[in-house]
Amino acid sequence: MSSSALVSTILTFAAIVGVGAALRATGLLKAEDARPLNVVIIYVGLPAFIFEAVRGAKLDGDVWRVVAVAWTVFAVMLALAWLLARIRTRDPKRRGALVLTAALGNTGYIGYPVTAALLGASAVPLAVFSDVFGTVFALVLVGLPIAARMGGKGARINIVRELLTFPAVLALAAGLLARFVAVPEVVTSGLEMLARLVAPLIMLSVGLALRPRSLARGAVDLGLVALVRLALAPMLAVLVGDALLSGDALRVATLQAGMPTMMLTLVVGERFGLDTDFIASAIFVTTVLSAITVPVVQSVIA
C-alpha cells in the first residue's frame, strides 16, 4: 500500500468521526447514543473480525515475539505517561485519562484494517495477537485498575472475570479452536459482513462523544499524548523489534505501536468516571495526526 493510500485510509476514518460530530451538532443524535454503537462494536463486530483472522492463519514464533515487543513498549510508555500526568495535573480524572490515552493504542479498530491494507491479509493474525495478548491484556490487567482508582465512580473490578469474559479474548479462543473444524461458508460470509461494521461504527461513536471546546482547553496535554503515542512508542518498537523481528513481523510490531489512542479508553472512561471529554479529544487528535506519523515510521523501516 502506498503512503498516499494509507493517508487516505486514515483520513477517511477521521472524516467519519466528523460525520458523528455533525450528527450530534444538529441534534439528530446525542452523546449517549454512542453507547449502543459501542455494544455492537465490542460484542459483535470486533469478535467477528478476530475469529475470521485467526481461524485460517499460519502461526509461528514471530507471534509471541510481536507480543513481547508490544508489552515492552506498553510498559515504557505507561511509566512515561504516568510521570507526565503527575506533572501536568492534580485532577485524578484527567490524570487517569492522560495515562490511558497515551499508553494504549488503537491496535484493533484501526490496527487491523491498516495492517490488512498495508501488509496484506497474511499479516493480520500477527496484528490480532499483538492486539489481544498485548493491548487488550494490558487494558484489562493494568488499564482497568488505573481507571477504577482514578475515576469518580468508585467502581470495583474482578480482573479474572473481566479477562475471561472480554469479547476479543473469547473470539480469539474460538478462532483457534475453529482451526480444527470445518466452518460453513454461510457462517464465514456472515462474520465477514459483521466485521466490516467495526471501523465506521467506532468512528461515529467517537464523533458523537467529541466536544470541540475540549480540544483548545487540553491542547498541551493532547500534544503530550500525541508525542508519546505516535512518535516515542513506534520509535521504541523499532529499537526493540529490530533485535527480535524482521520483515512483516517487524512492520506489524512497529505499526501497532504507533497506532492512535485506543478507542475503548472512551468506554472505560465512561464506565469509571474519567475525563471523557479529554479522552474523546485525544482519540480524534491522534487519529488525524497518525495519517502523517504512520507513513513516516513505515518509511523508516522500509
C-alpha atoms as a PDB file:
ATOM      1  CA  MET A   1       0.000   0.000   0.000  1.00  0.00           C
ATOM      2  CA  SER A   2       1.411   3.412  -0.962  1.00  0.00           C
ATOM      3  CA  SER A   3       1.842   6.199   1.572  1.00  0.00           C
ATOM      4  CA  SER A   4      -0.853   8.221  -0.173  1.00  0.00           C
ATOM      5  CA  ALA A   5      -3.322   5.332   0.042  1.00  0.00           C
ATOM      6  CA  LEU A   6      -2.502   4.837   3.724  1.00  0.00           C
ATOM      7  CA  VAL A   7      -3.026   8.526   4.434  1.00  0.00           C
ATOM      8  CA  SER A   8      -6.321   8.370   2.547  1.00  0.00           C
ATOM      9  CA  THR A   9      -7.477   5.405   4.644  1.00  0.00           C
ATOM     10  CA  ILE A  10      -6.734   7.120   7.953  1.00  0.00           C
ATOM     11  CA  LEU A  11      -8.222  10.435   6.832  1.00  0.00           C
ATOM     12  CA  THR A  12     -11.377   8.566   5.813  1.00  0.00           C
ATOM     13  CA  PHE A  13     -11.624   7.312   9.387  1.00  0.00           C
ATOM     14  CA  ALA A  14     -11.215  10.881  10.646  1.00  0.00           C
ATOM     15  CA  ALA A  15     -13.911  12.084   8.239  1.00  0.00           C
ATOM     16  CA  ILE A  16     -16.374   9.562   9.671  1.00  0.00           C
ATOM     17  CA  VAL A  17     -15.591  10.982  13.118  1.00  0.00           C
ATOM     18  CA  GLY A  18     -16.628  14.330  11.644  1.00  0.00           C
ATOM     19  CA  VAL A  19     -19.923  12.820  10.495  1.00  0.00           C
ATOM     20  CA  GLY A  20     -20.605  11.670  14.043  1.00  0.00           C
ATOM     21  CA  ALA A  21     -19.802  15.144  15.385  1.00  0.00           C
ATOM     22  CA  ALA A  22     -22.133  16.690  12.804  1.00  0.00           C
ATOM     23  CA  LEU A  23     -24.972  14.348  13.780  1.00  0.00           C
ATOM     24  CA  ARG A  24     -24.556  15.428  17.371  1.00  0.00           C
ATOM     25  CA  ALA A  25     -24.283  19.134  16.500  1.00  0.00           C
ATOM     26  CA  THR A  26     -27.512  19.005  14.505  1.00  0.00           C
ATOM     27  CA  GLY A  27     -29.342  17.197  17.293  1.00  0.00           C
ATOM     28  CA  LEU A  28     -30.102  14.122  15.185  1.00  0.00           C
ATOM     29  CA  LEU A  29     -28.120  12.025  17.687  1.00  0.00           C
ATOM     30  CA  LYS A  30     -26.920  12.616  21.239  1.00  0.00           C
ATOM     31  CA  ALA A  31     -23.706  11.733  23.027  1.00  0.00           C
ATOM     32  CA  GLU A  32     -25.410   8.888  24.875  1.00  0.00           C
ATOM     33  CA  ASP A  33     -26.387   7.340  21.528  1.00  0.00           C
ATOM     34  CA  ALA A  34     -22.765   6.212  21.230  1.00  0.00           C
ATOM     35  CA  ARG A  35     -23.360   3.533  23.869  1.00  0.00           C
ATOM     36  CA  PRO A  36     -25.443   1.141  21.723  1.00  0.00           C
ATOM     37  CA  LEU A  37     -22.916   1.605  18.929  1.00  0.00           C
ATOM     38  CA  ASN A  38     -20.141   0.587  21.320  1.00  0.00           C
ATOM     39  CA  VAL A  39     -22.083  -2.512  22.321  1.00  0.00           C
ATOM     40  CA  VAL A  40     -22.391  -3.603  18.683  1.00  0.00           C
ATOM     41  CA  ILE A  41     -18.679  -2.987  18.095  1.00  0.00           C
ATOM     42  CA  ILE A  42     -17.353  -4.722  21.205  1.00  0.00           C
ATOM     43  CA  TYR A  43     -19.701  -7.690  21.275  1.00  0.00           C
ATOM     44  CA  VAL A  44     -20.409  -8.282  17.559  1.00  0.00           C
ATOM     45  CA  GLY A  45     -18.143  -6.620  15.014  1.00  0.00           C
ATOM     46  CA  LEU A  46     -14.723  -6.970  16.606  1.00  0.00           C
ATOM     47  CA  PRO A  47     -15.177 -10.615  17.709  1.00  0.00           C
ATOM     48  CA  ALA A  48     -16.277 -11.496  14.167  1.00  0.00           C
ATOM     49  CA  PHE A  49     -13.158  -9.888  12.721  1.00  0.00           C
ATOM     50  CA  ILE A  50     -10.825 -11.635  15.173  1.00  0.00           C
ATOM     51  CA  PHE A  51     -12.452 -15.033  14.687  1.00  0.00           C
ATOM     52  CA  GLU A  52     -12.073 -14.869  10.909  1.00  0.00           C
ATOM     53  CA  ALA A  53      -8.492 -13.584  11.061  1.00  0.00           C
ATOM     54  CA  VAL A  54      -7.269 -16.287  13.440  1.00  0.00           C
ATOM     55  CA  ARG A  55      -9.219 -19.260  12.103  1.00  0.00           C
ATOM     56  CA  GLY A  56      -7.186 -19.728   8.944  1.00  0.00           C
ATOM     57  CA  ALA A  57      -3.949 -18.049   9.974  1.00  0.00           C
ATOM     58  CA  LYS A  58      -0.470 -19.512   9.930  1.00  0.00           C
ATOM     59  CA  LEU A  59       1.028 -19.041  13.397  1.00  0.00           C
ATOM     60  CA  ASP A  60       4.738 -19.243  14.229  1.00  0.00           C
ATOM     61  CA  GLY A  61       7.294 -17.961  16.721  1.00  0.00           C
ATOM     62  CA  ASP A  62       7.031 -14.398  15.422  1.00  0.00           C
ATOM     63  CA  VAL A  63       3.584 -14.192  17.014  1.00  0.00           C
ATOM     64  CA  TRP A  64       4.959 -14.228  20.542  1.00  0.00           C
ATOM     65  CA  ARG A  65       7.929 -12.022  19.712  1.00  0.00           C
ATOM     66  CA  VAL A  66       5.500  -9.409  18.396  1.00  0.00           C
ATOM     67  CA  VAL A  67       3.551  -9.704  21.669  1.00  0.00           C
ATOM     68  CA  ALA A  68       6.800  -9.270  23.644  1.00  0.00           C
ATOM     69  CA  VAL A  69       7.544  -6.059  21.750  1.00  0.00           C
ATOM     70  CA  ALA A  70       4.002  -4.833  22.420  1.00  0.00           C
ATOM     71  CA  TRP A  71       4.368  -5.356  26.172  1.00  0.00           C
ATOM     72  CA  THR A  72       7.801  -3.738  26.286  1.00  0.00           C
ATOM     73  CA  VAL A  73       6.507  -0.646  24.506  1.00  0.00           C
ATOM     74  CA  PHE A  74       3.414  -0.515  26.706  1.00  0.00           C
ATOM     75  CA  ALA A  75       5.412  -0.748  29.944  1.00  0.00           C
ATOM     76  CA  VAL A  76       7.782   2.068  28.982  1.00  0.00           C
ATOM     77  CA  MET A  77       5.043   4.339  27.627  1.00  0.00           C
ATOM     78  CA  LEU A  78       2.910   3.700  30.721  1.00  0.00           C
ATOM     79  CA  ALA A  79       5.736   4.790  33.013  1.00  0.00           C
ATOM     80  CA  LEU A  80       6.353   7.893  30.914  1.00  0.00           C
ATOM     81  CA  ALA A  81       2.651   8.759  30.720  1.00  0.00           C
ATOM     82  CA  TRP A  82       2.285   8.331  34.484  1.00  0.00           C
ATOM     83  CA  LEU A  83       5.175  10.739  35.066  1.00  0.00           C
ATOM     84  CA  LEU A  84       3.763  13.314  32.662  1.00  0.00           C
ATOM     85  CA  ALA A  85       0.295  13.030  34.213  1.00  0.00           C
ATOM     86  CA  ARG A  86       1.661  13.663  37.693  1.00  0.00           C
ATOM     87  CA  ILE A  87       3.496  16.742  36.435  1.00  0.00           C
ATOM     88  CA  ARG A  88       0.615  18.134  34.431  1.00  0.00           C
ATOM     89  CA  THR A  89      -2.418  17.820  36.718  1.00  0.00           C
ATOM     90  CA  ARG A  90      -3.685  17.008  40.189  1.00  0.00           C
ATOM     91  CA  ASP A  91      -7.136  16.075  38.932  1.00  0.00           C
ATOM     92  CA  PRO A  92      -7.282  12.258  39.164  1.00  0.00           C
ATOM     93  CA  LYS A  93      -9.925  12.054  36.416  1.00  0.00           C
ATOM     94  CA  ARG A  94      -7.727  13.948  33.958  1.00  0.00           C
ATOM     95  CA  ARG A  95      -4.630  12.123  35.190  1.00  0.00           C
ATOM     96  CA  GLY A  96      -6.192   8.711  34.564  1.00  0.00           C
ATOM     97  CA  ALA A  97      -7.442   9.843  31.148  1.00  0.00           C
ATOM     98  CA  LEU A  98      -3.989  11.094  30.159  1.00  0.00           C
ATOM     99  CA  VAL A  99      -2.290   7.862  31.230  1.00  0.00           C
ATOM    100  CA  LEU A 100      -4.693   5.589  29.363  1.00  0.00           C
ATOM    101  CA  THR A 101      -4.797   7.634  26.165  1.00  0.00           C
ATOM    102  CA  ALA A 102      -1.001   7.830  25.975  1.00  0.00           C
ATOM    103  CA  ALA A 103      -0.225   4.225  26.913  1.00  0.00           C
ATOM    104  CA  LEU A 104      -2.882   2.297  24.962  1.00  0.00           C
ATOM    105  CA  GLY A 105      -3.037   2.284  21.166  1.00  0.00           C
ATOM    106  CA  ASN A 106      -5.888   1.537  18.797  1.00  0.00           C
ATOM    107  CA  THR A 107      -4.362  -1.767  17.711  1.00  0.00           C
ATOM    108  CA  GLY A 108      -7.741  -3.333  16.993  1.00  0.00           C
ATOM    109  CA  TYR A 109     -10.180  -0.938  15.358  1.00  0.00           C
ATOM    110  CA  ILE A 110      -7.574   0.848  13.243  1.00  0.00           C
ATOM    111  CA  GLY A 111      -4.642  -1.542  13.608  1.00  0.00           C
ATOM    112  CA  TYR A 112      -6.422  -4.439  11.887  1.00  0.00           C
ATOM    113  CA  PRO A 113      -7.668  -2.659   8.755  1.00  0.00           C
ATOM    114  CA  VAL A 114      -4.450  -0.654   8.351  1.00  0.00           C
ATOM    115  CA  THR A 115      -2.349  -3.826   8.707  1.00  0.00           C
ATOM    116  CA  ALA A 116      -4.507  -5.605   6.135  1.00  0.00           C
ATOM    117  CA  ALA A 117      -4.292  -2.666   3.734  1.00  0.00           C
ATOM    118  CA  LEU A 118      -0.552  -2.102   4.170  1.00  0.00           C
ATOM    119  CA  LEU A 119       0.805  -5.640   4.533  1.00  0.00           C
ATOM    120  CA  GLY A 120      -1.965  -7.934   3.308  1.00  0.00           C
ATOM    121  CA  ALA A 121      -4.251 -10.477   4.940  1.00  0.00           C
ATOM    122  CA  SER A 122      -1.360 -12.794   5.855  1.00  0.00           C
ATOM    123  CA  ALA A 123      -0.039 -10.219   8.351  1.00  0.00           C
ATOM    124  CA  VAL A 124      -3.377  -9.648  10.113  1.00  0.00           C
ATOM    125  CA  PRO A 125      -3.028 -12.602  12.561  1.00  0.00           C
ATOM    126  CA  LEU A 126       0.176 -11.014  13.896  1.00  0.00           C
ATOM    127  CA  ALA A 127      -1.779  -7.808  14.439  1.00  0.00           C
ATOM    128  CA  VAL A 128      -4.564  -9.752  16.176  1.00  0.00           C
ATOM    129  CA  PHE A 129      -2.185 -11.420  18.627  1.00  0.00           C
ATOM    130  CA  SER A 130      -0.420  -8.119  19.269  1.00  0.00           C
ATOM    131  CA  ASP A 131      -3.786  -6.539  19.981  1.00  0.00           C
ATOM    132  CA  VAL A 132      -5.369  -9.277  22.113  1.00  0.00           C
ATOM    133  CA  PHE A 133      -2.361 -10.572  24.065  1.00  0.00           C
ATOM    134  CA  GLY A 134      -0.721  -7.164  24.079  1.00  0.00           C
ATOM    135  CA  THR A 135      -3.148  -4.247  24.164  1.00  0.00           C
ATOM    136  CA  VAL A 136      -6.305  -5.985  25.414  1.00  0.00           C
ATOM    137  CA  PHE A 137      -4.471  -7.812  28.184  1.00  0.00           C
ATOM    138  CA  ALA A 138      -2.721  -4.547  29.104  1.00  0.00           C
ATOM    139  CA  LEU A 139      -6.072  -2.766  29.226  1.00  0.00           C
ATOM    140  CA  VAL A 140      -7.659  -5.383  31.487  1.00  0.00           C
ATOM    141  CA  LEU A 141      -4.684  -6.140  33.733  1.00  0.00           C
ATOM    142  CA  VAL A 142      -3.345  -2.590  34.074  1.00  0.00           C
ATOM    143  CA  GLY A 143      -5.692  -0.070  32.473  1.00  0.00           C
ATOM    144  CA  LEU A 144      -8.882  -1.052  34.279  1.00  0.00           C
ATOM    145  CA  PRO A 145      -7.292  -0.923  37.763  1.00  0.00           C
ATOM    146  CA  ILE A 146      -5.871   2.526  36.952  1.00  0.00           C
ATOM    147  CA  ALA A 147      -9.265   3.739  35.720  1.00  0.00           C
ATOM    148  CA  ALA A 148     -11.036   2.315  38.775  1.00  0.00           C
ATOM    149  CA  ARG A 149      -8.576   4.051  41.085  1.00  0.00           C
ATOM    150  CA  MET A 150      -8.593   7.409  39.295  1.00  0.00           C
ATOM    151  CA  GLY A 151     -12.246   7.553  38.270  1.00  0.00           C
ATOM    152  CA  GLY A 152     -15.019   9.222  40.176  1.00  0.00           C
ATOM    153  CA  LYS A 153     -17.468   6.312  40.402  1.00  0.00           C
ATOM    154  CA  GLY A 154     -15.676   4.133  42.928  1.00  0.00           C
ATOM    155  CA  ALA A 155     -16.278   1.053  40.789  1.00  0.00           C
ATOM    156  CA  ARG A 156     -14.676  -2.279  41.660  1.00  0.00           C
ATOM    157  CA  ILE A 157     -13.395  -4.828  39.181  1.00  0.00           C
ATOM    158  CA  ASN A 158     -12.662  -8.533  39.044  1.00  0.00           C
ATOM    159  CA  ILE A 159      -9.682  -8.784  36.709  1.00  0.00           C
ATOM    160  CA  VAL A 160     -10.012 -12.524  36.095  1.00  0.00           C
ATOM    161  CA  ARG A 161     -13.683 -12.224  35.210  1.00  0.00           C
ATOM    162  CA  GLU A 162     -13.018  -9.172  33.025  1.00  0.00           C
ATOM    163  CA  LEU A 163     -10.345 -11.032  31.091  1.00  0.00           C
ATOM    164  CA  LEU A 164     -12.248 -14.290  30.664  1.00  0.00           C
ATOM    165  CA  THR A 165     -15.409 -12.512  29.508  1.00  0.00           C
ATOM    166  CA  PHE A 166     -13.760  -9.935  27.230  1.00  0.00           C
ATOM    167  CA  PRO A 167     -15.275 -10.470  23.752  1.00  0.00           C
ATOM    168  CA  ALA A 168     -11.939 -10.156  21.909  1.00  0.00           C
ATOM    169  CA  VAL A 169     -10.345 -12.819  24.109  1.00  0.00           C
ATOM    170  CA  LEU A 170     -13.288 -15.188  23.626  1.00  0.00           C
ATOM    171  CA  ALA A 171     -13.235 -14.617  19.860  1.00  0.00           C
ATOM    172  CA  LEU A 172      -9.514 -15.405  19.735  1.00  0.00           C
ATOM    173  CA  ALA A 173     -10.047 -18.647  21.652  1.00  0.00           C
ATOM    174  CA  ALA A 174     -12.962 -19.601  19.400  1.00  0.00           C
ATOM    175  CA  GLY A 175     -10.901 -18.844  16.306  1.00  0.00           C
ATOM    176  CA  LEU A 176      -8.061 -21.078  17.498  1.00  0.00           C
ATOM    177  CA  LEU A 177     -10.472 -23.941  18.193  1.00  0.00           C
ATOM    178  CA  ALA A 178     -12.194 -23.459  14.828  1.00  0.00           C
ATOM    179  CA  ARG A 179      -8.910 -24.203  13.064  1.00  0.00           C
ATOM    180  CA  PHE A 180      -9.607 -27.890  13.676  1.00  0.00           C
ATOM    181  CA  VAL A 181     -13.156 -27.994  12.284  1.00  0.00           C
ATOM    182  CA  ALA A 182     -14.915 -27.028   9.068  1.00  0.00           C
ATOM    183  CA  VAL A 183     -16.919 -23.815   9.355  1.00  0.00           C
ATOM    184  CA  PRO A 184     -19.838 -23.484   6.888  1.00  0.00           C
ATOM    185  CA  GLU A 185     -19.431 -20.813   4.239  1.00  0.00           C
ATOM    186  CA  VAL A 186     -22.705 -19.173   5.231  1.00  0.00           C
ATOM    187  CA  VAL A 187     -21.242 -18.593   8.696  1.00  0.00           C
ATOM    188  CA  THR A 188     -17.968 -17.162   7.435  1.00  0.00           C
ATOM    189  CA  SER A 189     -19.774 -14.881   4.989  1.00  0.00           C
ATOM    190  CA  GLY A 190     -21.936 -13.520   7.783  1.00  0.00           C
ATOM    191  CA  LEU A 191     -18.941 -12.960  10.021  1.00  0.00           C
ATOM    192  CA  GLU A 192     -17.140 -11.079   7.273  1.00  0.00           C
ATOM    193  CA  MET A 193     -20.125  -8.763   6.864  1.00  0.00           C
ATOM    194  CA  LEU A 194     -20.243  -8.105  10.595  1.00  0.00           C
ATOM    195  CA  ALA A 195     -16.504  -7.459  10.730  1.00  0.00           C
ATOM    196  CA  ARG A 196     -16.818  -4.693   8.159  1.00  0.00           C
ATOM    197  CA  LEU A 197     -19.085  -2.759  10.550  1.00  0.00           C
ATOM    198  CA  VAL A 198     -16.323  -2.180  13.092  1.00  0.00           C
ATOM    199  CA  ALA A 199     -14.334   0.755  11.724  1.00  0.00           C
ATOM    200  CA  PRO A 200     -17.209   3.060  10.625  1.00  0.00           C
ATOM    201  CA  LEU A 201     -19.292   2.458  13.757  1.00  0.00           C
ATOM    202  CA  ILE A 202     -16.474   3.214  16.183  1.00  0.00           C
ATOM    203  CA  MET A 203     -15.588   6.386  14.296  1.00  0.00           C
ATOM    204  CA  LEU A 204     -19.199   7.542  14.515  1.00  0.00           C
ATOM    205  CA  SER A 205     -19.129   6.791  18.240  1.00  0.00           C
ATOM    206  CA  VAL A 206     -16.044   8.953  18.742  1.00  0.00           C
ATOM    207  CA  GLY A 207     -17.640  11.765  16.764  1.00  0.00           C
ATOM    208  CA  LEU A 208     -20.703  11.675  19.000  1.00  0.00           C
ATOM    209  CA  ALA A 209     -18.518  11.946  22.120  1.00  0.00           C
ATOM    210  CA  LEU A 210     -16.230  14.682  20.774  1.00  0.00           C
ATOM    211  CA  ARG A 211     -16.511  18.186  22.252  1.00  0.00           C
ATOM    212  CA  PRO A 212     -14.598  20.739  20.107  1.00  0.00           C
ATOM    213  CA  ARG A 213     -14.084  23.115  23.035  1.00  0.00           C
ATOM    214  CA  SER A 214     -12.106  20.406  24.828  1.00  0.00           C
ATOM    215  CA  LEU A 215      -9.504  20.471  22.054  1.00  0.00           C
ATOM    216  CA  ALA A 216      -8.435  24.011  22.937  1.00  0.00           C
ATOM    217  CA  ARG A 217      -8.629  23.590  26.707  1.00  0.00           C
ATOM    218  CA  GLY A 218      -6.429  20.500  26.691  1.00  0.00           C
ATOM    219  CA  ALA A 219      -4.032  21.464  23.896  1.00  0.00           C
ATOM    220  CA  VAL A 220      -0.803  20.924  25.852  1.00  0.00           C
ATOM    221  CA  ASP A 221      -1.872  17.606  27.329  1.00  0.00           C
ATOM    222  CA  LEU A 222      -3.155  16.449  23.947  1.00  0.00           C
ATOM    223  CA  GLY A 223       0.219  17.323  22.443  1.00  0.00           C
ATOM    224  CA  LEU A 224       1.957  15.192  25.050  1.00  0.00           C
ATOM    225  CA  VAL A 225      -0.354  12.264  24.369  1.00  0.00           C
ATOM    226  CA  ALA A 226       0.326  12.565  20.639  1.00  0.00           C
ATOM    227  CA  LEU A 227       4.087  12.700  21.238  1.00  0.00           C
ATOM    228  CA  VAL A 228       4.069   9.554  23.361  1.00  0.00           C
ATOM    229  CA  ARG A 229       1.526   7.630  21.316  1.00  0.00           C
ATOM    230  CA  LEU A 230       2.591   8.486  17.773  1.00  0.00           C
ATOM    231  CA  ALA A 231       6.321   9.176  17.993  1.00  0.00           C
ATOM    232  CA  LEU A 232       8.015   7.690  21.051  1.00  0.00           C
ATOM    233  CA  ALA A 233       6.099   4.383  21.080  1.00  0.00           C
ATOM    234  CA  PRO A 234       6.882   3.385  17.457  1.00  0.00           C
ATOM    235  CA  MET A 235      10.483   4.561  17.828  1.00  0.00           C
ATOM    236  CA  LEU A 236      10.897   2.252  20.793  1.00  0.00           C
ATOM    237  CA  ALA A 237       9.225  -0.574  18.858  1.00  0.00           C
ATOM    238  CA  VAL A 238      11.768  -0.150  16.061  1.00  0.00           C
ATOM    239  CA  LEU A 239      14.658  -0.321  18.526  1.00  0.00           C
ATOM    240  CA  VAL A 240      13.323  -3.343  20.428  1.00  0.00           C
ATOM    241  CA  GLY A 241      11.817  -5.093  17.422  1.00  0.00           C
ATOM    242  CA  ASP A 242      14.983  -4.830  15.349  1.00  0.00           C
ATOM    243  CA  ALA A 243      16.666  -7.235  17.769  1.00  0.00           C
ATOM    244  CA  LEU A 244      13.822  -9.769  17.678  1.00  0.00           C
ATOM    245  CA  LEU A 245      11.988  -9.460  14.389  1.00  0.00           C
ATOM    246  CA  SER A 246      12.353  -8.866  10.673  1.00  0.00           C
ATOM    247  CA  GLY A 247      10.173  -8.426   7.610  1.00  0.00           C
ATOM    248  CA  ASP A 248       6.409  -8.202   8.072  1.00  0.00           C
ATOM    249  CA  ALA A 249       6.649  -9.127  11.763  1.00  0.00           C
ATOM    250  CA  LEU A 250       8.797  -6.047  12.446  1.00  0.00           C
ATOM    251  CA  ARG A 251       6.452  -3.908  10.387  1.00  0.00           C
ATOM    252  CA  VAL A 252       3.402  -5.171  12.288  1.00  0.00           C
ATOM    253  CA  ALA A 253       5.054  -4.590  15.687  1.00  0.00           C
ATOM    254  CA  THR A 254       6.019  -1.041  14.700  1.00  0.00           C
ATOM    255  CA  LEU A 255       2.702  -0.316  13.045  1.00  0.00           C
ATOM    256  CA  GLN A 256       0.753  -1.439  16.096  1.00  0.00           C
ATOM    257  CA  ALA A 257       2.999   0.522  18.467  1.00  0.00           C
ATOM    258  CA  GLY A 258       2.309   3.714  16.518  1.00  0.00           C
ATOM    259  CA  MET A 259      -1.468   3.440  16.413  1.00  0.00           C
ATOM    260  CA  PRO A 260      -3.524   6.387  17.732  1.00  0.00           C
ATOM    261  CA  THR A 261      -5.237   6.274  21.114  1.00  0.00           C
ATOM    262  CA  MET A 262      -7.278   3.146  21.824  1.00  0.00           C
ATOM    263  CA  MET A 263     -10.965   3.846  21.279  1.00  0.00           C
ATOM    264  CA  LEU A 264     -12.024   1.531  24.088  1.00  0.00           C
ATOM    265  CA  THR A 265     -10.471   4.037  26.500  1.00  0.00           C
ATOM    266  CA  LEU A 266     -13.597   6.128  25.884  1.00  0.00           C
ATOM    267  CA  VAL A 267     -15.806   3.244  27.005  1.00  0.00           C
ATOM    268  CA  VAL A 268     -13.568   2.664  30.034  1.00  0.00           C
ATOM    269  CA  GLY A 269     -13.602   6.374  30.838  1.00  0.00           C
ATOM    270  CA  GLU A 270     -17.404   6.469  30.817  1.00  0.00           C
ATOM    271  CA  ARG A 271     -17.595   3.358  32.966  1.00  0.00           C
ATOM    272  CA  PHE A 272     -15.266   4.612  35.690  1.00  0.00           C
ATOM    273  CA  GLY A 273     -15.849   8.369  35.532  1.00  0.00           C
ATOM    274  CA  LEU A 274     -12.647   9.638  33.936  1.00  0.00           C
ATOM    275  CA  ASP A 275     -12.394  12.840  31.878  1.00  0.00           C
ATOM    276  CA  THR A 276     -14.230  11.604  28.775  1.00  0.00           C
ATOM    277  CA  ASP A 277     -14.055  14.988  27.040  1.00  0.00           C
ATOM    278  CA  PHE A 278     -10.272  14.715  27.089  1.00  0.00           C
ATOM    279  CA  ILE A 279     -10.329  11.066  26.017  1.00  0.00           C
ATOM    280  CA  ALA A 280     -12.552  11.788  23.004  1.00  0.00           C
ATOM    281  CA  SER A 281     -10.306  14.698  22.037  1.00  0.00           C
ATOM    282  CA  ALA A 282      -7.181  12.536  22.344  1.00  0.00           C
ATOM    283  CA  ILE A 283      -8.712   9.847  20.132  1.00  0.00           C
ATOM    284  CA  PHE A 284      -9.632  12.407  17.485  1.00  0.00           C
ATOM    285  CA  VAL A 285      -6.316  14.294  17.514  1.00  0.00           C
ATOM    286  CA  THR A 286      -4.095  11.211  17.449  1.00  0.00           C
ATOM    287  CA  THR A 287      -6.213   9.567  14.748  1.00  0.00           C
ATOM    288  CA  VAL A 288      -5.855  12.589  12.470  1.00  0.00           C
ATOM    289  CA  LEU A 289      -2.120  13.005  13.160  1.00  0.00           C
ATOM    290  CA  SER A 290      -1.477   9.307  12.584  1.00  0.00           C
ATOM    291  CA  ALA A 291      -2.156   9.963   8.898  1.00  0.00           C
ATOM    292  CA  ILE A 292       1.246  11.664   8.945  1.00  0.00           C
ATOM    293  CA  THR A 293       3.175   9.669  11.531  1.00  0.00           C
ATOM    294  CA  VAL A 294       2.315   6.120  10.427  1.00  0.00           C
ATOM    295  CA  PRO A 295       3.615   6.528   6.838  1.00  0.00           C
ATOM    296  CA  VAL A 296       6.740   8.286   8.123  1.00  0.00           C
ATOM    297  CA  VAL A 297       7.570   5.487  10.574  1.00  0.00           C
ATOM    298  CA  GLN A 298       6.886   2.785   7.985  1.00  0.00           C
ATOM    299  CA  SER A 299       9.185   4.527   5.519  1.00  0.00           C
ATOM    300  CA  VAL A 300      11.974   4.472   8.106  1.00  0.00           C
ATOM    301  CA  ILE A 301      11.903   0.677   8.376  1.00  0.00           C
ATOM    302  CA  ALA A 302      11.289   0.057   4.675  1.00  0.00           C
END
